[in-house]
Amino acid sequence: MTAVRVIGVGLLGPGLPDWATAQALLREPAAWQREATVIPTPARLPPAERRRASNVVKASIAVADQALSACGLAASALPTVFTSSTGDPLNCHLLCEALATAERMVSPTRFTNSVHNAAAGYWHIAAQSRQPSTSLAAFDASFAAGLLEAAVQVLSTQAPVLLVACDVPYPQPLHALRPLDDVMAVAMVLAPAASAGRSLHIEVTHDDAPITRCADSAFEALRTGLPAARALPLLHALMAGAAGTVVLEGLPGSALAVQVS
């Protein structure tokens, strides 16, 4: 595949309040302390929308704004790819509770937020964007699937694309079956090869390729514990500035080899 460029990055996760802070901690993992993710108030959303927005919406907007701030592009100008293993699991849980009652009364707000593209919808409305948007899910391979989709779109249109990956925890009893213990969100603005920025050559390969792991055991536990954190080896490569290949967990039967240069 022809190269694409990374021209902006956003990050939010446990003990990782933003990409600038995370870069220093990826260089010195011993300084990282795993603390509960603090989701900032999304200034882009009007007050009424802030009250209705779920954590997956707020975290997605936070990292998207970071990535756009880094590259200086207008939010309204970018097509988007939103990817999430979980979507909004709390909303799903509350809908199931409502449907289990005798009245079966569902809140209109809950129903509105039940779709998988809710985060994309909030973003595009807040950004006043009429650009195309794709929302997808691929279990633990959701970040890799989103990265591949965004890169294909960049190559097809020769225009930048905003990628946002976000996962949030399930409440019980779903948490017992899918134990994700915190919020993690990553954003990247990908651009055509002629742009300035780190270059990514992306290739779909077989699943027998060894997945790249984090050298630090604490970061590796984070990587395996949250689907969006599968991006950590790629983020480390972007931060380090050296050339190399990162293999990301892909869909069944495949992996994603990303050469960073």
C-alpha atoms as a PDB file:
ATOM      1  CA  MET A   1       0.000   0.000   0.000  1.00  0.00           C
ATOM      2  CA  THR A   2       1.197   3.523  -0.757  1.00  0.00           C
ATOM      3  CA  ALA A   3       2.246   5.508   2.296  1.00  0.00           C
ATOM      4  CA  VAL A   4       0.044   7.851   4.282  1.00  0.00           C
ATOM      5  CA  ARG A   5       1.257  10.440   6.763  1.00  0.00           C
ATOM      6  CA  VAL A   6       0.338  11.023  10.399  1.00  0.00           C
ATOM      7  CA  ILE A   7      -0.015  14.781  10.870  1.00  0.00           C
ATOM      8  CA  GLY A   8      -1.856  14.902  14.197  1.00  0.00           C
ATOM      9  CA  VAL A   9      -2.323  12.637  17.236  1.00  0.00           C
ATOM     10  CA  GLY A  10      -4.630  12.704  20.260  1.00  0.00           C
ATOM     11  CA  LEU A  11      -4.599  10.366  23.267  1.00  0.00           C
ATOM     12  CA  LEU A  12      -6.585   9.890  26.463  1.00  0.00           C
ATOM     13  CA  GLY A  13      -6.313   6.976  28.855  1.00  0.00           C
ATOM     14  CA  PRO A  14      -5.407   5.809  32.364  1.00  0.00           C
ATOM     15  CA  GLY A  15      -2.709   8.188  33.603  1.00  0.00           C
ATOM     16  CA  LEU A  16      -2.438   9.570  30.058  1.00  0.00           C
ATOM     17  CA  PRO A  17      -4.314  12.892  29.931  1.00  0.00           C
ATOM     18  CA  ASP A  18      -3.075  13.897  26.461  1.00  0.00           C
ATOM     19  CA  TRP A  19      -0.593  13.044  23.721  1.00  0.00           C
ATOM     20  CA  ALA A  20       2.055  15.539  24.884  1.00  0.00           C
ATOM     21  CA  THR A  21       2.153  13.986  28.359  1.00  0.00           C
ATOM     22  CA  ALA A  22       2.013  10.465  26.965  1.00  0.00           C
ATOM     23  CA  GLN A  23       5.089  10.960  24.783  1.00  0.00           C
ATOM     24  CA  ALA A  24       7.232  11.716  27.832  1.00  0.00           C
ATOM     25  CA  LEU A  25       5.809   8.696  29.686  1.00  0.00           C
ATOM     26  CA  LEU A  26       6.356   6.361  26.728  1.00  0.00           C
ATOM     27  CA  ARG A  27      10.006   7.437  26.782  1.00  0.00           C
ATOM     28  CA  GLU A  28      10.245   6.879  30.559  1.00  0.00           C
ATOM     29  CA  PRO A  29       7.661   4.189  31.447  1.00  0.00           C
ATOM     30  CA  ALA A  30       8.814   4.072  35.074  1.00  0.00           C
ATOM     31  CA  ALA A  31       7.328   7.541  35.546  1.00  0.00           C
ATOM     32  CA  TRP A  32       3.850   6.383  34.471  1.00  0.00           C
ATOM     33  CA  GLN A  33       1.285   5.793  37.199  1.00  0.00           C
ATOM     34  CA  ARG A  34      -1.920   4.097  36.174  1.00  0.00           C
ATOM     35  CA  GLU A  35      -4.741   6.329  37.394  1.00  0.00           C
ATOM     36  CA  ALA A  36      -8.376   6.430  36.377  1.00  0.00           C
ATOM     37  CA  THR A  37      -8.962   8.228  33.079  1.00  0.00           C
ATOM     38  CA  VAL A  38     -10.237  11.766  33.568  1.00  0.00           C
ATOM     39  CA  ILE A  39     -12.445  12.770  30.635  1.00  0.00           C
ATOM     40  CA  PRO A  40     -12.322  16.530  30.013  1.00  0.00           C
ATOM     41  CA  THR A  41     -15.491  18.533  29.426  1.00  0.00           C
ATOM     42  CA  PRO A  42     -15.925  18.830  25.646  1.00  0.00           C
ATOM     43  CA  ALA A  43     -15.996  22.594  25.090  1.00  0.00           C
ATOM     44  CA  ARG A  44     -17.041  21.961  21.486  1.00  0.00           C
ATOM     45  CA  LEU A  45     -20.462  20.704  22.644  1.00  0.00           C
ATOM     46  CA  PRO A  46     -23.226  23.112  23.738  1.00  0.00           C
ATOM     47  CA  PRO A  47     -24.275  22.709  27.406  1.00  0.00           C
ATOM     48  CA  ALA A  48     -27.436  20.733  26.586  1.00  0.00           C
ATOM     49  CA  GLU A  49     -25.486  18.289  24.415  1.00  0.00           C
ATOM     50  CA  ARG A  50     -22.812  17.912  27.095  1.00  0.00           C
ATOM     51  CA  ARG A  51     -25.454  16.714  29.549  1.00  0.00           C
ATOM     52  CA  ARG A  52     -26.741  14.127  27.082  1.00  0.00           C
ATOM     53  CA  ALA A  53     -23.365  12.975  25.804  1.00  0.00           C
ATOM     54  CA  SER A  54     -21.981   9.683  27.073  1.00  0.00           C
ATOM     55  CA  ASN A  55     -18.388   8.995  28.075  1.00  0.00           C
ATOM     56  CA  VAL A  56     -17.588   7.463  24.683  1.00  0.00           C
ATOM     57  CA  VAL A  57     -18.767  10.674  22.999  1.00  0.00           C
ATOM     58  CA  LYS A  58     -16.847  12.960  25.374  1.00  0.00           C
ATOM     59  CA  ALA A  59     -13.616  10.960  25.172  1.00  0.00           C
ATOM     60  CA  SER A  60     -13.845  10.699  21.377  1.00  0.00           C
ATOM     61  CA  ILE A  61     -14.291  14.449  21.032  1.00  0.00           C
ATOM     62  CA  ALA A  62     -11.400  15.123  23.431  1.00  0.00           C
ATOM     63  CA  VAL A  63      -8.863  13.157  21.398  1.00  0.00           C
ATOM     64  CA  ALA A  64     -10.229  14.386  18.067  1.00  0.00           C
ATOM     65  CA  ASP A  65      -9.723  17.974  19.210  1.00  0.00           C
ATOM     66  CA  GLN A  66      -6.153  17.162  20.300  1.00  0.00           C
ATOM     67  CA  ALA A  67      -5.306  15.679  16.907  1.00  0.00           C
ATOM     68  CA  LEU A  68      -6.811  18.610  15.022  1.00  0.00           C
ATOM     69  CA  SER A  69      -5.026  21.121  17.209  1.00  0.00           C
ATOM     70  CA  ALA A  70      -1.730  19.445  16.320  1.00  0.00           C
ATOM     71  CA  CYS A  71      -2.254  19.690  12.560  1.00  0.00           C
ATOM     72  CA  GLY A  72      -4.224  22.937  12.344  1.00  0.00           C
ATOM     73  CA  LEU A  73      -6.952  21.613  10.034  1.00  0.00           C
ATOM     74  CA  ALA A  74     -10.587  22.666  10.330  1.00  0.00           C
ATOM     75  CA  ALA A  75     -12.853  20.079  11.945  1.00  0.00           C
ATOM     76  CA  SER A  76     -15.586  20.764   9.403  1.00  0.00           C
ATOM     77  CA  ALA A  77     -13.287  19.864   6.497  1.00  0.00           C
ATOM     78  CA  LEU A  78     -12.363  16.291   7.467  1.00  0.00           C
ATOM     79  CA  PRO A  79     -14.097  12.999   6.684  1.00  0.00           C
ATOM     80  CA  THR A  80     -14.004  10.718   9.713  1.00  0.00           C
ATOM     81  CA  VAL A  81     -13.622   7.096  10.710  1.00  0.00           C
ATOM     82  CA  PHE A  82     -14.867   6.246  14.211  1.00  0.00           C
ATOM     83  CA  THR A  83     -14.040   2.796  15.538  1.00  0.00           C
ATOM     84  CA  SER A  84     -15.014   1.196  18.837  1.00  0.00           C
ATOM     85  CA  SER A  85     -15.205  -2.296  20.258  1.00  0.00           C
ATOM     86  CA  THR A  86     -17.775  -1.223  22.832  1.00  0.00           C
ATOM     87  CA  GLY A  87     -19.785   1.706  21.499  1.00  0.00           C
ATOM     88  CA  ASP A  88     -21.803   2.991  24.455  1.00  0.00           C
ATOM     89  CA  PRO A  89     -22.189  -0.050  26.751  1.00  0.00           C
ATOM     90  CA  LEU A  90     -23.831   1.860  29.613  1.00  0.00           C
ATOM     91  CA  ASN A  91     -26.567   3.054  27.296  1.00  0.00           C
ATOM     92  CA  CYS A  92     -27.030  -0.518  26.044  1.00  0.00           C
ATOM     93  CA  HIS A  93     -27.296  -1.746  29.646  1.00  0.00           C
ATOM     94  CA  LEU A  94     -29.924   0.872  30.562  1.00  0.00           C
ATOM     95  CA  LEU A  95     -31.960   0.086  27.450  1.00  0.00           C
ATOM     96  CA  CYS A  96     -31.938  -3.595  28.368  1.00  0.00           C
ATOM     97  CA  GLU A  97     -33.062  -2.729  31.900  1.00  0.00           C
ATOM     98  CA  ALA A  98     -35.915  -0.605  30.531  1.00  0.00           C
ATOM     99  CA  LEU A  99     -37.028  -3.337  28.133  1.00  0.00           C
ATOM    100  CA  ALA A 100     -37.016  -5.866  30.983  1.00  0.00           C
ATOM    101  CA  THR A 101     -39.655  -3.896  32.910  1.00  0.00           C
ATOM    102  CA  ALA A 102     -43.388  -4.367  32.489  1.00  0.00           C
ATOM    103  CA  GLU A 103     -43.805  -0.871  30.996  1.00  0.00           C
ATOM    104  CA  ARG A 104     -40.934  -1.272  28.474  1.00  0.00           C
ATOM    105  CA  MET A 105     -40.607   2.522  28.322  1.00  0.00           C
ATOM    106  CA  VAL A 106     -37.440   3.649  26.551  1.00  0.00           C
ATOM    107  CA  SER A 107     -36.079   7.160  26.995  1.00  0.00           C
ATOM    108  CA  PRO A 108     -35.856   9.029  23.662  1.00  0.00           C
ATOM    109  CA  THR A 109     -32.332  10.146  24.599  1.00  0.00           C
ATOM    110  CA  ARG A 110     -31.325   6.553  25.313  1.00  0.00           C
ATOM    111  CA  PHE A 111     -32.764   5.481  21.976  1.00  0.00           C
ATOM    112  CA  THR A 112     -30.939   8.286  20.137  1.00  0.00           C
ATOM    113  CA  ASN A 113     -27.625   7.259  21.690  1.00  0.00           C
ATOM    114  CA  SER A 114     -28.124   3.538  21.055  1.00  0.00           C
ATOM    115  CA  VAL A 115     -26.649   3.542  17.544  1.00  0.00           C
ATOM    116  CA  HIS A 116     -22.978   2.710  17.036  1.00  0.00           C
ATOM    117  CA  ASN A 117     -22.337   5.968  15.188  1.00  0.00           C
ATOM    118  CA  ALA A 118     -23.564   8.181  18.058  1.00  0.00           C
ATOM    119  CA  ALA A 119     -20.057   9.524  18.748  1.00  0.00           C
ATOM    120  CA  ALA A 120     -19.598  10.370  15.069  1.00  0.00           C
ATOM    121  CA  GLY A 121     -22.985  12.070  15.022  1.00  0.00           C
ATOM    122  CA  TYR A 122     -22.194  14.282  18.003  1.00  0.00           C
ATOM    123  CA  TRP A 123     -18.819  15.174  16.473  1.00  0.00           C
ATOM    124  CA  HIS A 124     -20.147  16.094  13.042  1.00  0.00           C
ATOM    125  CA  ILE A 125     -23.006  18.165  14.471  1.00  0.00           C
ATOM    126  CA  ALA A 126     -20.664  20.003  16.856  1.00  0.00           C
ATOM    127  CA  ALA A 127     -18.077  20.540  14.101  1.00  0.00           C
ATOM    128  CA  GLN A 128     -20.784  21.593  11.613  1.00  0.00           C
ATOM    129  CA  SER A 129     -19.309  19.013   9.270  1.00  0.00           C
ATOM    130  CA  ARG A 130     -21.100  17.539   6.270  1.00  0.00           C
ATOM    131  CA  GLN A 131     -18.144  15.352   5.352  1.00  0.00           C
ATOM    132  CA  PRO A 132     -18.559  11.549   5.011  1.00  0.00           C
ATOM    133  CA  SER A 133     -18.259   9.439   8.153  1.00  0.00           C
ATOM    134  CA  THR A 134     -17.740   5.716   8.764  1.00  0.00           C
ATOM    135  CA  SER A 135     -18.337   3.945  12.093  1.00  0.00           C
ATOM    136  CA  LEU A 136     -17.156   0.387  12.605  1.00  0.00           C
ATOM    137  CA  ALA A 137     -16.360  -2.283  15.180  1.00  0.00           C
ATOM    138  CA  ALA A 138     -14.072  -5.308  15.075  1.00  0.00           C
ATOM    139  CA  PHE A 139     -13.771  -6.497  18.698  1.00  0.00           C
ATOM    140  CA  ASP A 140     -10.106  -6.341  19.788  1.00  0.00           C
ATOM    141  CA  ALA A 141      -9.026  -5.482  16.230  1.00  0.00           C
ATOM    142  CA  SER A 142     -11.161  -2.325  16.148  1.00  0.00           C
ATOM    143  CA  PHE A 143      -8.203   0.073  16.102  1.00  0.00           C
ATOM    144  CA  ALA A 144      -6.444  -1.829  13.306  1.00  0.00           C
ATOM    145  CA  ALA A 145      -9.677  -2.008  11.298  1.00  0.00           C
ATOM    146  CA  GLY A 146     -10.213   1.721  11.719  1.00  0.00           C
ATOM    147  CA  LEU A 147      -6.614   2.515  10.767  1.00  0.00           C
ATOM    148  CA  LEU A 148      -6.909   0.421   7.607  1.00  0.00           C
ATOM    149  CA  GLU A 149     -10.229   2.031   6.654  1.00  0.00           C
ATOM    150  CA  ALA A 150      -8.913   5.558   7.214  1.00  0.00           C
ATOM    151  CA  ALA A 151      -5.738   4.863   5.214  1.00  0.00           C
ATOM    152  CA  VAL A 152      -7.737   3.433   2.301  1.00  0.00           C
ATOM    153  CA  GLN A 153      -9.901   6.541   2.275  1.00  0.00           C
ATOM    154  CA  VAL A 154      -6.833   8.817   2.234  1.00  0.00           C
ATOM    155  CA  LEU A 155      -5.408   6.881  -0.705  1.00  0.00           C
ATOM    156  CA  SER A 156      -8.742   6.964  -2.534  1.00  0.00           C
ATOM    157  CA  THR A 157      -9.514  10.655  -2.056  1.00  0.00           C
ATOM    158  CA  GLN A 158      -5.982  12.077  -1.625  1.00  0.00           C
ATOM    159  CA  ALA A 159      -7.356  14.140   1.253  1.00  0.00           C
ATOM    160  CA  PRO A 160      -6.871  14.000   5.062  1.00  0.00           C
ATOM    161  CA  VAL A 161      -9.095  11.790   7.222  1.00  0.00           C
ATOM    162  CA  LEU A 162      -9.665  11.902  10.996  1.00  0.00           C
ATOM    163  CA  LEU A 163      -9.497   8.513  12.750  1.00  0.00           C
ATOM    164  CA  VAL A 164     -10.941   8.147  16.274  1.00  0.00           C
ATOM    165  CA  ALA A 165     -10.830   4.939  18.338  1.00  0.00           C
ATOM    166  CA  CYS A 166     -12.501   4.806  21.747  1.00  0.00           C
ATOM    167  CA  ASP A 167     -13.579   2.155  24.234  1.00  0.00           C
ATOM    168  CA  VAL A 168     -15.290   2.490  27.610  1.00  0.00           C
ATOM    169  CA  PRO A 169     -16.126  -0.082  30.313  1.00  0.00           C
ATOM    170  CA  TYR A 170     -19.249  -2.205  30.480  1.00  0.00           C
ATOM    171  CA  PRO A 171     -21.368  -2.168  33.651  1.00  0.00           C
ATOM    172  CA  GLN A 172     -22.246  -5.435  35.363  1.00  0.00           C
ATOM    173  CA  PRO A 173     -23.324  -8.038  34.430  1.00  0.00           C
ATOM    174  CA  LEU A 174     -21.764  -7.458  30.988  1.00  0.00           C
ATOM    175  CA  HIS A 175     -18.471  -6.459  32.614  1.00  0.00           C
ATOM    176  CA  ALA A 176     -18.018 -10.013  33.899  1.00  0.00           C
ATOM    177  CA  LEU A 177     -18.017 -11.260  30.303  1.00  0.00           C
ATOM    178  CA  ARG A 178     -16.053  -8.363  28.776  1.00  0.00           C
ATOM    179  CA  PRO A 179     -13.912  -6.845  31.562  1.00  0.00           C
ATOM    180  CA  LEU A 180     -12.628  -3.475  30.338  1.00  0.00           C
ATOM    181  CA  ASP A 181     -11.691  -1.448  33.385  1.00  0.00           C
ATOM    182  CA  ASP A 182     -11.260   2.094  32.059  1.00  0.00           C
ATOM    183  CA  VAL A 183     -11.663   4.542  29.180  1.00  0.00           C
ATOM    184  CA  MET A 184      -9.128   4.679  26.342  1.00  0.00           C
ATOM    185  CA  ALA A 185      -9.274   6.879  23.244  1.00  0.00           C
ATOM    186  CA  VAL A 186      -6.860   7.546  20.378  1.00  0.00           C
ATOM    187  CA  ALA A 187      -7.136   9.903  17.410  1.00  0.00           C
ATOM    188  CA  MET A 188      -4.963  10.362  14.329  1.00  0.00           C
ATOM    189  CA  VAL A 189      -5.224  12.673  11.365  1.00  0.00           C
ATOM    190  CA  LEU A 190      -3.942  10.774   8.330  1.00  0.00           C
ATOM    191  CA  ALA A 191      -2.960  12.653   5.180  1.00  0.00           C
ATOM    192  CA  PRO A 192      -1.607  11.882   1.687  1.00  0.00           C
ATOM    193  CA  ALA A 193       2.038  10.952   1.237  1.00  0.00           C
ATOM    194  CA  ALA A 194       2.973  14.425  -0.015  1.00  0.00           C
ATOM    195  CA  SER A 195       2.158  15.907   3.416  1.00  0.00           C
ATOM    196  CA  ALA A 196       4.683  16.534   6.175  1.00  0.00           C
ATOM    197  CA  GLY A 197       4.657  14.011   9.027  1.00  0.00           C
ATOM    198  CA  ARG A 198       5.629  10.445   9.918  1.00  0.00           C
ATOM    199  CA  SER A 199       5.041   7.993   7.072  1.00  0.00           C
ATOM    200  CA  LEU A 200       3.034   4.783   7.502  1.00  0.00           C
ATOM    201  CA  HIS A 201       3.167   1.919   4.985  1.00  0.00           C
ATOM    202  CA  ILE A 202       0.289  -0.404   5.858  1.00  0.00           C
ATOM    203  CA  GLU A 203      -0.048  -4.010   4.719  1.00  0.00           C
ATOM    204  CA  VAL A 204      -2.525  -6.734   5.663  1.00  0.00           C
ATOM    205  CA  THR A 205      -0.607  -9.877   6.551  1.00  0.00           C
ATOM    206  CA  HIS A 206      -1.294 -13.318   8.008  1.00  0.00           C
ATOM    207  CA  ASP A 207      -2.116 -13.759  11.674  1.00  0.00           C
ATOM    208  CA  ASP A 208       1.018 -15.828  12.273  1.00  0.00           C
ATOM    209  CA  ALA A 209       3.029 -12.603  12.190  1.00  0.00           C
ATOM    210  CA  PRO A 210       4.141 -11.860  15.772  1.00  0.00           C
ATOM    211  CA  ILE A 211       2.090  -9.023  17.273  1.00  0.00           C
ATOM    212  CA  THR A 212       4.222  -6.121  18.489  1.00  0.00           C
ATOM    213  CA  ARG A 213       4.063  -5.809  22.255  1.00  0.00           C
ATOM    214  CA  CYS A 214       4.996  -2.986  24.602  1.00  0.00           C
ATOM    215  CA  ALA A 215       8.467  -3.430  26.095  1.00  0.00           C
ATOM    216  CA  ASP A 216       7.247  -2.138  29.468  1.00  0.00           C
ATOM    217  CA  SER A 217       5.096  -4.679  31.331  1.00  0.00           C
ATOM    218  CA  ALA A 218       2.700  -2.059  32.726  1.00  0.00           C
ATOM    219  CA  PHE A 219       2.032  -0.578  29.291  1.00  0.00           C
ATOM    220  CA  GLU A 220       1.682  -4.103  27.895  1.00  0.00           C
ATOM    221  CA  ALA A 221      -1.035  -4.817  30.478  1.00  0.00           C
ATOM    222  CA  LEU A 222      -2.795  -1.657  29.328  1.00  0.00           C
ATOM    223  CA  ARG A 223      -2.418  -2.680  25.671  1.00  0.00           C
ATOM    224  CA  THR A 224      -4.029  -6.067  26.189  1.00  0.00           C
ATOM    225  CA  GLY A 225      -6.685  -4.791  28.598  1.00  0.00           C
ATOM    226  CA  LEU A 226      -8.358  -2.170  26.387  1.00  0.00           C
ATOM    227  CA  PRO A 227      -9.024  -2.575  22.644  1.00  0.00           C
ATOM    228  CA  ALA A 228      -8.163   1.037  21.762  1.00  0.00           C
ATOM    229  CA  ALA A 229      -4.850   0.587  23.613  1.00  0.00           C
ATOM    230  CA  ARG A 230      -3.767  -1.832  20.864  1.00  0.00           C
ATOM    231  CA  ALA A 231      -2.515   1.418  19.299  1.00  0.00           C
ATOM    232  CA  LEU A 232       0.228   1.826  21.939  1.00  0.00           C
ATOM    233  CA  PRO A 233       3.087   0.139  19.981  1.00  0.00           C
ATOM    234  CA  LEU A 234       2.332   2.347  16.976  1.00  0.00           C
ATOM    235  CA  LEU A 235       2.162   5.440  19.175  1.00  0.00           C
ATOM    236  CA  HIS A 236       5.499   4.476  20.713  1.00  0.00           C
ATOM    237  CA  ALA A 237       7.025   4.160  17.234  1.00  0.00           C
ATOM    238  CA  LEU A 238       5.656   7.569  16.249  1.00  0.00           C
ATOM    239  CA  MET A 239       7.067   9.103  19.423  1.00  0.00           C
ATOM    240  CA  ALA A 240      10.473   7.433  19.101  1.00  0.00           C
ATOM    241  CA  GLY A 241      11.133   8.821  15.638  1.00  0.00           C
ATOM    242  CA  ALA A 242      13.051   5.758  14.446  1.00  0.00           C
ATOM    243  CA  ALA A 243      12.095   3.631  11.454  1.00  0.00           C
ATOM    244  CA  GLY A 244      10.602   0.210  12.120  1.00  0.00           C
ATOM    245  CA  THR A 245       7.620  -2.081  11.647  1.00  0.00           C
ATOM    246  CA  VAL A 246       4.747  -2.512  14.081  1.00  0.00           C
ATOM    247  CA  VAL A 247       2.355  -5.465  13.751  1.00  0.00           C
ATOM    248  CA  LEU A 248      -1.142  -4.798  15.075  1.00  0.00           C
ATOM    249  CA  GLU A 249      -3.766  -7.363  15.959  1.00  0.00           C
ATOM    250  CA  GLY A 250      -6.147  -7.682  13.010  1.00  0.00           C
ATOM    251  CA  LEU A 251      -9.361  -9.441  12.130  1.00  0.00           C
ATOM    252  CA  PRO A 252      -9.401 -13.257  12.437  1.00  0.00           C
ATOM    253  CA  GLY A 253      -6.819 -14.737  10.080  1.00  0.00           C
ATOM    254  CA  SER A 254      -4.943 -11.493   9.567  1.00  0.00           C
ATOM    255  CA  ALA A 255      -2.744  -8.843  11.149  1.00  0.00           C
ATOM    256  CA  LEU A 256      -1.789  -5.310  10.152  1.00  0.00           C
ATOM    257  CA  ALA A 257       1.908  -4.616   9.486  1.00  0.00           C
ATOM    258  CA  VAL A 258       2.640  -0.893   9.738  1.00  0.00           C
ATOM    259  CA  GLN A 259       6.065   0.293   8.610  1.00  0.00           C
ATOM    260  CA  VAL A 260       6.895   3.613  10.234  1.00  0.00           C
ATOM    261  CA  SER A 261       9.468   5.839   8.538  1.00  0.00           C
END
